[in-house]
Amino acid sequence: MTVMVAHHGHPGKTDEVRAQEARSDLAMRLSSLEDMPDSIGLTFEAALRAMYLSFWTDRDADYFATCASAAIALQVGSAIFEVTGDNADAIELFILDKTRTLPMISARTFASASNWLSAFYLAVICRDQARMTMLCKIPVDRLRAASREDEFVYLWVDVLQTFWLRGDGLASRLLRAMEASYPDAVRFVSEGYLQTILYPPVHLFHSLIFKGESPFNEALKDALEFHKVYWTSDIERFDDATGAIALAPLAIACIGYDMEVAIEVESDYIPRHMLKGDWLEGFRY
């Protein structure tokens, strides 16, 4: 039996304007990226903002441009970790509508574990296995050196890398990540954010890999309801488009869908076109 998790909020005419402004801002930032490669962190923020506003105004992701906004965000997010490497003087990357030559830059704080997670989730949703592999080959210690985050975040990155690269010890690594997710073990995020946004995808992944179809669907429902709780529990967050989709649960659900697990939860937080990936043939990477 299919379970529905209703979305919150109602997009208005001003949101359409905000979405268009966000797309214009992103295009402007991309136009200067080759001359200002250090701005790629802010450009990724702009790409995410444009993506979330697109999904906020198009809840079903019926328009191709809405789906494509996730792929564009992926192009920028993954580029962060390519230009902060040390393998060449410059690198050619296709972003939005053209191939761009970006000079390599030294490590920056925006090459963080949190941005890694966002980029990896987007790669999963876009079924971009090449970018998934590229991201998973980045040493966790390199992410540690870029910025300070809770140990739980690095352990979760390690779990995802181990899963995708088929490394050893997935169960024990996942257990360590879960043990590091207790409120008294984190310092850089609030207990509420940990319990409603950061931890549910870990539990969802555990249910998918080790528990089976029914526990997975129950965990997916819970993850979406926790997502809704976070974005509706504060009036200042209620109309924040960042809550338009549940990025991490959507990514884990995509893994389940591709494993032919029956997804028995429906919600605009995990738009069906993104879940099924039926829009991908029209996008050029």
C-alpha atoms as a PDB file:
ATOM      1  CA  MET A   1       0.000   0.000   0.000  1.00  0.00           C
ATOM      2  CA  THR A   2       1.395   3.374  -1.048  1.00  0.00           C
ATOM      3  CA  VAL A   3       1.924   5.976   1.675  1.00  0.00           C
ATOM      4  CA  MET A   4       1.722   9.690   0.897  1.00  0.00           C
ATOM      5  CA  VAL A   5       3.814  12.355   2.628  1.00  0.00           C
ATOM      6  CA  ALA A   6       2.343  15.744   1.807  1.00  0.00           C
ATOM      7  CA  HIS A   7       4.552  18.709   0.947  1.00  0.00           C
ATOM      8  CA  HIS A   8       4.425  21.927   2.934  1.00  0.00           C
ATOM      9  CA  GLY A   9       3.856  25.493   1.798  1.00  0.00           C
ATOM     10  CA  HIS A  10       2.376  26.865  -1.385  1.00  0.00           C
ATOM     11  CA  PRO A  11       4.474  28.560  -4.082  1.00  0.00           C
ATOM     12  CA  GLY A  12       3.292  31.994  -5.163  1.00  0.00           C
ATOM     13  CA  LYS A  13       3.927  34.346  -8.061  1.00  0.00           C
ATOM     14  CA  THR A  14       6.845  35.952  -6.262  1.00  0.00           C
ATOM     15  CA  ASP A  15       8.506  32.541  -6.049  1.00  0.00           C
ATOM     16  CA  GLU A  16       8.470  32.273  -9.845  1.00  0.00           C
ATOM     17  CA  VAL A  17      10.255  35.616  -9.970  1.00  0.00           C
ATOM     18  CA  ARG A  18      12.762  34.456  -7.361  1.00  0.00           C
ATOM     19  CA  ALA A  19      13.433  31.294  -9.359  1.00  0.00           C
ATOM     20  CA  GLN A  20      14.096  33.261 -12.529  1.00  0.00           C
ATOM     21  CA  GLU A  21      16.361  35.665 -10.663  1.00  0.00           C
ATOM     22  CA  ALA A  22      18.285  32.707  -9.223  1.00  0.00           C
ATOM     23  CA  ARG A  23      18.781  31.213 -12.685  1.00  0.00           C
ATOM     24  CA  SER A  24      19.995  34.562 -14.005  1.00  0.00           C
ATOM     25  CA  ASP A  25      22.376  34.945 -11.077  1.00  0.00           C
ATOM     26  CA  LEU A  26      23.772  31.474 -11.718  1.00  0.00           C
ATOM     27  CA  ALA A  27      24.287  32.186 -15.419  1.00  0.00           C
ATOM     28  CA  MET A  28      26.128  35.403 -14.551  1.00  0.00           C
ATOM     29  CA  ARG A  29      28.414  33.623 -12.089  1.00  0.00           C
ATOM     30  CA  LEU A  30      29.150  30.860 -14.577  1.00  0.00           C
ATOM     31  CA  SER A  31      30.055  33.389 -17.259  1.00  0.00           C
ATOM     32  CA  SER A  32      32.934  34.655 -15.111  1.00  0.00           C
ATOM     33  CA  LEU A  33      33.992  31.328 -13.606  1.00  0.00           C
ATOM     34  CA  GLU A  34      36.962  30.789 -15.926  1.00  0.00           C
ATOM     35  CA  ASP A  35      38.390  34.166 -14.905  1.00  0.00           C
ATOM     36  CA  MET A  36      37.522  33.747 -11.214  1.00  0.00           C
ATOM     37  CA  PRO A  37      37.817  30.035 -10.360  1.00  0.00           C
ATOM     38  CA  ASP A  38      37.950  30.845  -6.648  1.00  0.00           C
ATOM     39  CA  SER A  39      34.276  31.795  -6.920  1.00  0.00           C
ATOM     40  CA  ILE A  40      33.237  28.203  -7.598  1.00  0.00           C
ATOM     41  CA  GLY A  41      32.115  27.705  -3.998  1.00  0.00           C
ATOM     42  CA  LEU A  42      29.684  30.616  -4.233  1.00  0.00           C
ATOM     43  CA  THR A  43      28.681  29.431  -7.693  1.00  0.00           C
ATOM     44  CA  PHE A  44      27.710  26.047  -6.244  1.00  0.00           C
ATOM     45  CA  GLU A  45      25.593  27.822  -3.638  1.00  0.00           C
ATOM     46  CA  ALA A  46      23.924  29.737  -6.471  1.00  0.00           C
ATOM     47  CA  ALA A  47      23.334  26.511  -8.417  1.00  0.00           C
ATOM     48  CA  LEU A  48      21.738  24.871  -5.395  1.00  0.00           C
ATOM     49  CA  ARG A  49      19.583  27.929  -4.787  1.00  0.00           C
ATOM     50  CA  ALA A  50      18.384  27.898  -8.410  1.00  0.00           C
ATOM     51  CA  MET A  51      17.671  24.179  -8.167  1.00  0.00           C
ATOM     52  CA  TYR A  52      15.700  24.381  -4.936  1.00  0.00           C
ATOM     53  CA  LEU A  53      13.639  27.313  -6.199  1.00  0.00           C
ATOM     54  CA  SER A  54      12.890  25.370  -9.379  1.00  0.00           C
ATOM     55  CA  PHE A  55      11.548  22.455  -7.345  1.00  0.00           C
ATOM     56  CA  TRP A  56       9.705  24.808  -4.999  1.00  0.00           C
ATOM     57  CA  THR A  57       7.720  26.256  -7.894  1.00  0.00           C
ATOM     58  CA  ASP A  58       7.374  22.962  -9.820  1.00  0.00           C
ATOM     59  CA  ARG A  59       6.524  20.437  -7.127  1.00  0.00           C
ATOM     60  CA  ASP A  60       6.009  17.495  -9.507  1.00  0.00           C
ATOM     61  CA  ALA A  61       9.150  18.330 -11.507  1.00  0.00           C
ATOM     62  CA  ASP A  62       6.997  18.173 -14.629  1.00  0.00           C
ATOM     63  CA  TYR A  63       9.194  20.639 -16.506  1.00  0.00           C
ATOM     64  CA  PHE A  64      12.462  19.401 -17.949  1.00  0.00           C
ATOM     65  CA  ALA A  65      14.218  22.580 -16.799  1.00  0.00           C
ATOM     66  CA  THR A  66      13.390  21.696 -13.196  1.00  0.00           C
ATOM     67  CA  CYS A  67      15.004  18.279 -13.493  1.00  0.00           C
ATOM     68  CA  ALA A  68      17.941  19.729 -15.407  1.00  0.00           C
ATOM     69  CA  SER A  69      18.613  22.196 -12.589  1.00  0.00           C
ATOM     70  CA  ALA A  70      19.798  19.243 -10.498  1.00  0.00           C
ATOM     71  CA  ALA A  71      22.248  18.176 -13.206  1.00  0.00           C
ATOM     72  CA  ILE A  72      23.586  21.722 -13.527  1.00  0.00           C
ATOM     73  CA  ALA A  73      24.094  21.866  -9.761  1.00  0.00           C
ATOM     74  CA  LEU A  74      25.915  18.544 -10.021  1.00  0.00           C
ATOM     75  CA  GLN A  75      28.214  19.889 -12.727  1.00  0.00           C
ATOM     76  CA  VAL A  76      29.222  22.792 -10.503  1.00  0.00           C
ATOM     77  CA  GLY A  77      29.400  20.785  -7.278  1.00  0.00           C
ATOM     78  CA  SER A  78      31.582  18.055  -8.724  1.00  0.00           C
ATOM     79  CA  ALA A  79      33.792  20.689 -10.370  1.00  0.00           C
ATOM     80  CA  ILE A  80      34.721  21.942  -6.893  1.00  0.00           C
ATOM     81  CA  PHE A  81      36.549  18.699  -6.237  1.00  0.00           C
ATOM     82  CA  GLU A  82      38.151  18.556  -9.663  1.00  0.00           C
ATOM     83  CA  VAL A  83      39.654  22.051  -9.614  1.00  0.00           C
ATOM     84  CA  THR A  84      40.967  21.661  -6.054  1.00  0.00           C
ATOM     85  CA  GLY A  85      42.929  18.543  -6.977  1.00  0.00           C
ATOM     86  CA  ASP A  86      46.602  18.479  -7.878  1.00  0.00           C
ATOM     87  CA  ASN A  87      46.750  16.564 -11.142  1.00  0.00           C
ATOM     88  CA  ALA A  88      47.043  19.322 -13.765  1.00  0.00           C
ATOM     89  CA  ASP A  89      47.423  23.042 -14.365  1.00  0.00           C
ATOM     90  CA  ALA A  90      43.917  23.331 -15.797  1.00  0.00           C
ATOM     91  CA  ILE A  91      40.920  21.152 -16.500  1.00  0.00           C
ATOM     92  CA  GLU A  92      38.149  21.261 -19.099  1.00  0.00           C
ATOM     93  CA  LEU A  93      34.650  20.773 -17.719  1.00  0.00           C
ATOM     94  CA  PHE A  94      31.257  20.978 -19.405  1.00  0.00           C
ATOM     95  CA  ILE A  95      28.987  23.144 -17.251  1.00  0.00           C
ATOM     96  CA  LEU A  96      25.503  24.331 -18.249  1.00  0.00           C
ATOM     97  CA  ASP A  97      25.940  24.939 -21.956  1.00  0.00           C
ATOM     98  CA  LYS A  98      29.637  24.905 -22.813  1.00  0.00           C
ATOM     99  CA  THR A  99      33.025  23.443 -22.079  1.00  0.00           C
ATOM    100  CA  ARG A 100      34.928  25.678 -19.684  1.00  0.00           C
ATOM    101  CA  THR A 101      38.650  25.633 -18.980  1.00  0.00           C
ATOM    102  CA  LEU A 102      39.210  26.128 -15.270  1.00  0.00           C
ATOM    103  CA  PRO A 103      42.664  26.577 -13.750  1.00  0.00           C
ATOM    104  CA  MET A 104      43.486  24.374 -10.793  1.00  0.00           C
ATOM    105  CA  ILE A 105      43.349  26.076  -7.413  1.00  0.00           C
ATOM    106  CA  SER A 106      44.682  25.028  -4.037  1.00  0.00           C
ATOM    107  CA  ALA A 107      42.488  23.506  -1.339  1.00  0.00           C
ATOM    108  CA  ARG A 108      39.651  25.725  -0.168  1.00  0.00           C
ATOM    109  CA  THR A 109      37.135  25.471   2.654  1.00  0.00           C
ATOM    110  CA  PHE A 110      34.324  24.975   0.142  1.00  0.00           C
ATOM    111  CA  ALA A 111      35.861  21.606  -0.849  1.00  0.00           C
ATOM    112  CA  SER A 112      34.212  20.317   2.313  1.00  0.00           C
ATOM    113  CA  ALA A 113      32.586  17.068   3.342  1.00  0.00           C
ATOM    114  CA  SER A 114      29.167  18.733   3.371  1.00  0.00           C
ATOM    115  CA  ASN A 115      29.579  19.927  -0.206  1.00  0.00           C
ATOM    116  CA  TRP A 116      30.911  16.487  -1.095  1.00  0.00           C
ATOM    117  CA  LEU A 117      27.703  14.958   0.223  1.00  0.00           C
ATOM    118  CA  SER A 118      25.540  17.380  -1.758  1.00  0.00           C
ATOM    119  CA  ALA A 119      27.510  16.659  -4.925  1.00  0.00           C
ATOM    120  CA  PHE A 120      27.365  12.907  -4.364  1.00  0.00           C
ATOM    121  CA  TYR A 121      23.616  12.946  -3.716  1.00  0.00           C
ATOM    122  CA  LEU A 122      23.153  14.888  -6.957  1.00  0.00           C
ATOM    123  CA  ALA A 123      25.348  12.425  -8.847  1.00  0.00           C
ATOM    124  CA  VAL A 124      23.231   9.540  -7.560  1.00  0.00           C
ATOM    125  CA  ILE A 125      19.990  11.289  -8.500  1.00  0.00           C
ATOM    126  CA  CYS A 126      21.364  12.065 -11.963  1.00  0.00           C
ATOM    127  CA  ARG A 127      22.710   8.506 -12.330  1.00  0.00           C
ATOM    128  CA  ASP A 128      26.109   9.950 -13.191  1.00  0.00           C
ATOM    129  CA  GLN A 129      28.291   6.997 -12.327  1.00  0.00           C
ATOM    130  CA  ALA A 130      31.476   8.633 -13.594  1.00  0.00           C
ATOM    131  CA  ARG A 131      31.079  11.544 -11.187  1.00  0.00           C
ATOM    132  CA  MET A 132      30.071   9.196  -8.377  1.00  0.00           C
ATOM    133  CA  THR A 133      33.313   7.288  -8.887  1.00  0.00           C
ATOM    134  CA  MET A 134      35.393  10.460  -9.139  1.00  0.00           C
ATOM    135  CA  LEU A 135      33.936  11.759  -5.876  1.00  0.00           C
ATOM    136  CA  CYS A 136      34.371   8.438  -4.113  1.00  0.00           C
ATOM    137  CA  LYS A 137      38.064   8.332  -4.975  1.00  0.00           C
ATOM    138  CA  ILE A 138      38.682  11.558  -3.056  1.00  0.00           C
ATOM    139  CA  PRO A 139      40.403  10.668   0.243  1.00  0.00           C
ATOM    140  CA  VAL A 140      38.366  11.508   3.318  1.00  0.00           C
ATOM    141  CA  ASP A 141      41.494  13.085   4.817  1.00  0.00           C
ATOM    142  CA  ARG A 142      41.434  15.629   1.994  1.00  0.00           C
ATOM    143  CA  LEU A 143      37.924  16.615   3.078  1.00  0.00           C
ATOM    144  CA  ARG A 144      39.039  16.788   6.701  1.00  0.00           C
ATOM    145  CA  ALA A 145      41.812  19.201   5.728  1.00  0.00           C
ATOM    146  CA  ALA A 146      39.398  21.516   3.928  1.00  0.00           C
ATOM    147  CA  SER A 147      37.082  22.374   6.816  1.00  0.00           C
ATOM    148  CA  ARG A 148      36.025  21.398  10.325  1.00  0.00           C
ATOM    149  CA  GLU A 149      32.893  19.297  10.622  1.00  0.00           C
ATOM    150  CA  ASP A 150      31.571  16.673  12.984  1.00  0.00           C
ATOM    151  CA  GLU A 151      33.244  13.259  12.809  1.00  0.00           C
ATOM    152  CA  PHE A 152      29.880  11.752  11.903  1.00  0.00           C
ATOM    153  CA  VAL A 153      29.927  13.586   8.563  1.00  0.00           C
ATOM    154  CA  TYR A 154      33.318  12.162   7.582  1.00  0.00           C
ATOM    155  CA  LEU A 155      32.283   8.670   8.651  1.00  0.00           C
ATOM    156  CA  TRP A 156      29.129   8.939   6.531  1.00  0.00           C
ATOM    157  CA  VAL A 157      31.213   9.991   3.523  1.00  0.00           C
ATOM    158  CA  ASP A 158      33.413   6.949   4.153  1.00  0.00           C
ATOM    159  CA  VAL A 159      30.339   4.691   4.181  1.00  0.00           C
ATOM    160  CA  LEU A 160      29.106   5.995   0.838  1.00  0.00           C
ATOM    161  CA  GLN A 161      32.550   5.714  -0.724  1.00  0.00           C
ATOM    162  CA  THR A 162      32.931   2.158   0.544  1.00  0.00           C
ATOM    163  CA  PHE A 163      29.498   1.228  -0.792  1.00  0.00           C
ATOM    164  CA  TRP A 164      30.035   2.640  -4.268  1.00  0.00           C
ATOM    165  CA  LEU A 165      33.600   1.391  -4.682  1.00  0.00           C
ATOM    166  CA  ARG A 166      32.640  -1.994  -3.207  1.00  0.00           C
ATOM    167  CA  GLY A 167      35.186  -1.753  -0.450  1.00  0.00           C
ATOM    168  CA  ASP A 168      35.506  -3.978   2.597  1.00  0.00           C
ATOM    169  CA  GLY A 169      33.839  -3.493   5.954  1.00  0.00           C
ATOM    170  CA  LEU A 170      30.676  -1.655   4.920  1.00  0.00           C
ATOM    171  CA  ALA A 171      28.669  -2.911   7.901  1.00  0.00           C
ATOM    172  CA  SER A 172      31.309  -1.947  10.478  1.00  0.00           C
ATOM    173  CA  ARG A 173      31.864   1.447   8.860  1.00  0.00           C
ATOM    174  CA  LEU A 174      28.134   2.124   8.876  1.00  0.00           C
ATOM    175  CA  LEU A 175      27.930   1.120  12.534  1.00  0.00           C
ATOM    176  CA  ARG A 176      30.701   3.599  13.401  1.00  0.00           C
ATOM    177  CA  ALA A 177      28.843   6.361  11.563  1.00  0.00           C
ATOM    178  CA  MET A 178      25.615   5.572  13.393  1.00  0.00           C
ATOM    179  CA  GLU A 179      27.394   5.516  16.756  1.00  0.00           C
ATOM    180  CA  ALA A 180      28.915   8.938  16.015  1.00  0.00           C
ATOM    181  CA  SER A 181      25.515  10.466  15.277  1.00  0.00           C
ATOM    182  CA  TYR A 182      24.294  10.774  18.867  1.00  0.00           C
ATOM    183  CA  PRO A 183      23.602  14.359  20.020  1.00  0.00           C
ATOM    184  CA  ASP A 184      26.422  14.343  22.584  1.00  0.00           C
ATOM    185  CA  ALA A 185      28.901  13.391  19.850  1.00  0.00           C
ATOM    186  CA  VAL A 186      28.326  16.401  17.585  1.00  0.00           C
ATOM    187  CA  ARG A 187      29.464  20.004  18.042  1.00  0.00           C
ATOM    188  CA  PHE A 188      28.893  21.864  14.787  1.00  0.00           C
ATOM    189  CA  VAL A 189      25.173  21.284  14.147  1.00  0.00           C
ATOM    190  CA  SER A 190      22.078  21.520  16.314  1.00  0.00           C
ATOM    191  CA  GLU A 191      20.453  18.445  17.797  1.00  0.00           C
ATOM    192  CA  GLY A 192      17.315  19.206  15.795  1.00  0.00           C
ATOM    193  CA  TYR A 193      19.184  19.376  12.489  1.00  0.00           C
ATOM    194  CA  LEU A 194      21.044  16.181  13.306  1.00  0.00           C
ATOM    195  CA  GLN A 195      17.896  14.237  14.148  1.00  0.00           C
ATOM    196  CA  THR A 196      15.694  15.502  11.313  1.00  0.00           C
ATOM    197  CA  ILE A 197      18.088  16.084   8.389  1.00  0.00           C
ATOM    198  CA  LEU A 198      21.492  14.448   8.876  1.00  0.00           C
ATOM    199  CA  TYR A 199      20.733  11.126  10.561  1.00  0.00           C
ATOM    200  CA  PRO A 200      17.567   9.898   8.740  1.00  0.00           C
ATOM    201  CA  PRO A 201      19.428   9.235   5.441  1.00  0.00           C
ATOM    202  CA  VAL A 202      21.931   7.072   7.341  1.00  0.00           C
ATOM    203  CA  HIS A 203      19.126   5.038   8.892  1.00  0.00           C
ATOM    204  CA  LEU A 204      17.447   4.865   5.484  1.00  0.00           C
ATOM    205  CA  PHE A 205      20.628   3.534   3.885  1.00  0.00           C
ATOM    206  CA  HIS A 206      21.034   0.969   6.665  1.00  0.00           C
ATOM    207  CA  SER A 207      17.459  -0.200   6.105  1.00  0.00           C
ATOM    208  CA  LEU A 208      17.996  -0.465   2.346  1.00  0.00           C
ATOM    209  CA  ILE A 209      21.213  -2.477   2.502  1.00  0.00           C
ATOM    210  CA  PHE A 210      20.668  -4.621   5.574  1.00  0.00           C
ATOM    211  CA  LYS A 211      16.958  -4.733   6.488  1.00  0.00           C
ATOM    212  CA  GLY A 212      14.815  -5.248   3.396  1.00  0.00           C
ATOM    213  CA  GLU A 213      11.977  -3.665   1.466  1.00  0.00           C
ATOM    214  CA  SER A 214       9.388  -3.092   4.196  1.00  0.00           C
ATOM    215  CA  PRO A 215      11.780  -1.525   6.749  1.00  0.00           C
ATOM    216  CA  PHE A 216      13.256   0.570   3.936  1.00  0.00           C
ATOM    217  CA  ASN A 217       9.874   2.033   3.001  1.00  0.00           C
ATOM    218  CA  GLU A 218       9.091   2.721   6.653  1.00  0.00           C
ATOM    219  CA  ALA A 219      12.438   4.491   7.027  1.00  0.00           C
ATOM    220  CA  LEU A 220      11.797   6.471   3.834  1.00  0.00           C
ATOM    221  CA  LYS A 221       8.442   7.654   5.151  1.00  0.00           C
ATOM    222  CA  ASP A 222      10.072   8.634   8.446  1.00  0.00           C
ATOM    223  CA  ALA A 223      12.907  10.493   6.682  1.00  0.00           C
ATOM    224  CA  LEU A 224      10.443  12.569   4.654  1.00  0.00           C
ATOM    225  CA  GLU A 225       8.320  13.314   7.699  1.00  0.00           C
ATOM    226  CA  PHE A 226      11.428  14.397   9.635  1.00  0.00           C
ATOM    227  CA  HIS A 227      12.381  16.600   6.678  1.00  0.00           C
ATOM    228  CA  LYS A 228       8.946  18.201   6.837  1.00  0.00           C
ATOM    229  CA  VAL A 229       9.213  18.676  10.596  1.00  0.00           C
ATOM    230  CA  TYR A 230      12.493  20.545  10.245  1.00  0.00           C
ATOM    231  CA  TRP A 231      11.270  22.886   7.525  1.00  0.00           C
ATOM    232  CA  THR A 232       7.922  23.627   9.177  1.00  0.00           C
ATOM    233  CA  SER A 233       9.000  23.922  12.827  1.00  0.00           C
ATOM    234  CA  ASP A 234      10.358  27.450  12.387  1.00  0.00           C
ATOM    235  CA  ILE A 235       8.402  30.218  10.676  1.00  0.00           C
ATOM    236  CA  GLU A 236      11.600  31.569   9.131  1.00  0.00           C
ATOM    237  CA  ARG A 237      12.249  28.211   7.460  1.00  0.00           C
ATOM    238  CA  PHE A 238       8.701  27.532   6.301  1.00  0.00           C
ATOM    239  CA  ASP A 239       9.005  29.378   2.992  1.00  0.00           C
ATOM    240  CA  ASP A 240      12.691  28.597   2.471  1.00  0.00           C
ATOM    241  CA  ALA A 241      12.942  26.836  -0.885  1.00  0.00           C
ATOM    242  CA  THR A 242      15.839  24.732   0.406  1.00  0.00           C
ATOM    243  CA  GLY A 243      13.180  22.469   1.889  1.00  0.00           C
ATOM    244  CA  ALA A 244      11.552  21.898  -1.505  1.00  0.00           C
ATOM    245  CA  ILE A 245      13.079  18.442  -1.910  1.00  0.00           C
ATOM    246  CA  ALA A 246      14.639  16.005   0.534  1.00  0.00           C
ATOM    247  CA  LEU A 247      17.955  15.694  -1.289  1.00  0.00           C
ATOM    248  CA  ALA A 248      19.612  12.916   0.725  1.00  0.00           C
ATOM    249  CA  PRO A 249      16.510  10.701   1.122  1.00  0.00           C
ATOM    250  CA  LEU A 250      15.815  11.169  -2.590  1.00  0.00           C
ATOM    251  CA  ALA A 251      19.325   9.967  -3.429  1.00  0.00           C
ATOM    252  CA  ILE A 252      19.011   6.873  -1.220  1.00  0.00           C
ATOM    253  CA  ALA A 253      15.559   6.202  -2.700  1.00  0.00           C
ATOM    254  CA  CYS A 254      17.098   6.398  -6.191  1.00  0.00           C
ATOM    255  CA  ILE A 255      19.620   3.743  -5.172  1.00  0.00           C
ATOM    256  CA  GLY A 256      16.738   1.591  -3.968  1.00  0.00           C
ATOM    257  CA  TYR A 257      14.750   2.180  -7.151  1.00  0.00           C
ATOM    258  CA  ASP A 258      17.719   1.186  -9.294  1.00  0.00           C
ATOM    259  CA  MET A 259      18.086  -1.957  -7.159  1.00  0.00           C
ATOM    260  CA  GLU A 260      14.470  -2.737  -8.130  1.00  0.00           C
ATOM    261  CA  VAL A 261      13.155  -2.193  -4.620  1.00  0.00           C
ATOM    262  CA  ALA A 262       9.455  -1.305  -4.702  1.00  0.00           C
ATOM    263  CA  ILE A 263       9.140   2.307  -3.540  1.00  0.00           C
ATOM    264  CA  GLU A 264       5.853   2.499  -1.648  1.00  0.00           C
ATOM    265  CA  VAL A 265       6.143   6.111  -0.535  1.00  0.00           C
ATOM    266  CA  GLU A 266       5.055   9.020  -2.710  1.00  0.00           C
ATOM    267  CA  SER A 267       5.838  12.652  -2.020  1.00  0.00           C
ATOM    268  CA  ASP A 268       6.751  15.842  -3.814  1.00  0.00           C
ATOM    269  CA  TYR A 269       9.809  15.813  -1.565  1.00  0.00           C
ATOM    270  CA  ILE A 270      11.031  12.977  -3.833  1.00  0.00           C
ATOM    271  CA  PRO A 271       9.551  13.903  -7.252  1.00  0.00           C
ATOM    272  CA  ARG A 272       8.707  10.808  -9.279  1.00  0.00           C
ATOM    273  CA  HIS A 273      10.619  11.928 -12.391  1.00  0.00           C
ATOM    274  CA  MET A 274      13.772  12.356 -10.327  1.00  0.00           C
ATOM    275  CA  LEU A 275      13.215   9.031  -8.596  1.00  0.00           C
ATOM    276  CA  LYS A 276      12.778   7.164 -11.870  1.00  0.00           C
ATOM    277  CA  GLY A 277      15.374   9.122 -13.828  1.00  0.00           C
ATOM    278  CA  ASP A 278      13.084   9.221 -16.860  1.00  0.00           C
ATOM    279  CA  TRP A 279      14.223  12.742 -17.781  1.00  0.00           C
ATOM    280  CA  LEU A 280      17.911  11.981 -18.209  1.00  0.00           C
ATOM    281  CA  GLU A 281      17.964  11.243 -21.939  1.00  0.00           C
ATOM    282  CA  GLY A 282      17.348  14.892 -22.705  1.00  0.00           C
ATOM    283  CA  PHE A 283      20.315  16.267 -20.788  1.00  0.00           C
ATOM    284  CA  ARG A 284      23.863  16.615 -22.035  1.00  0.00           C
ATOM    285  CA  TYR A 285      26.682  16.110 -19.555  1.00  0.00           C
END
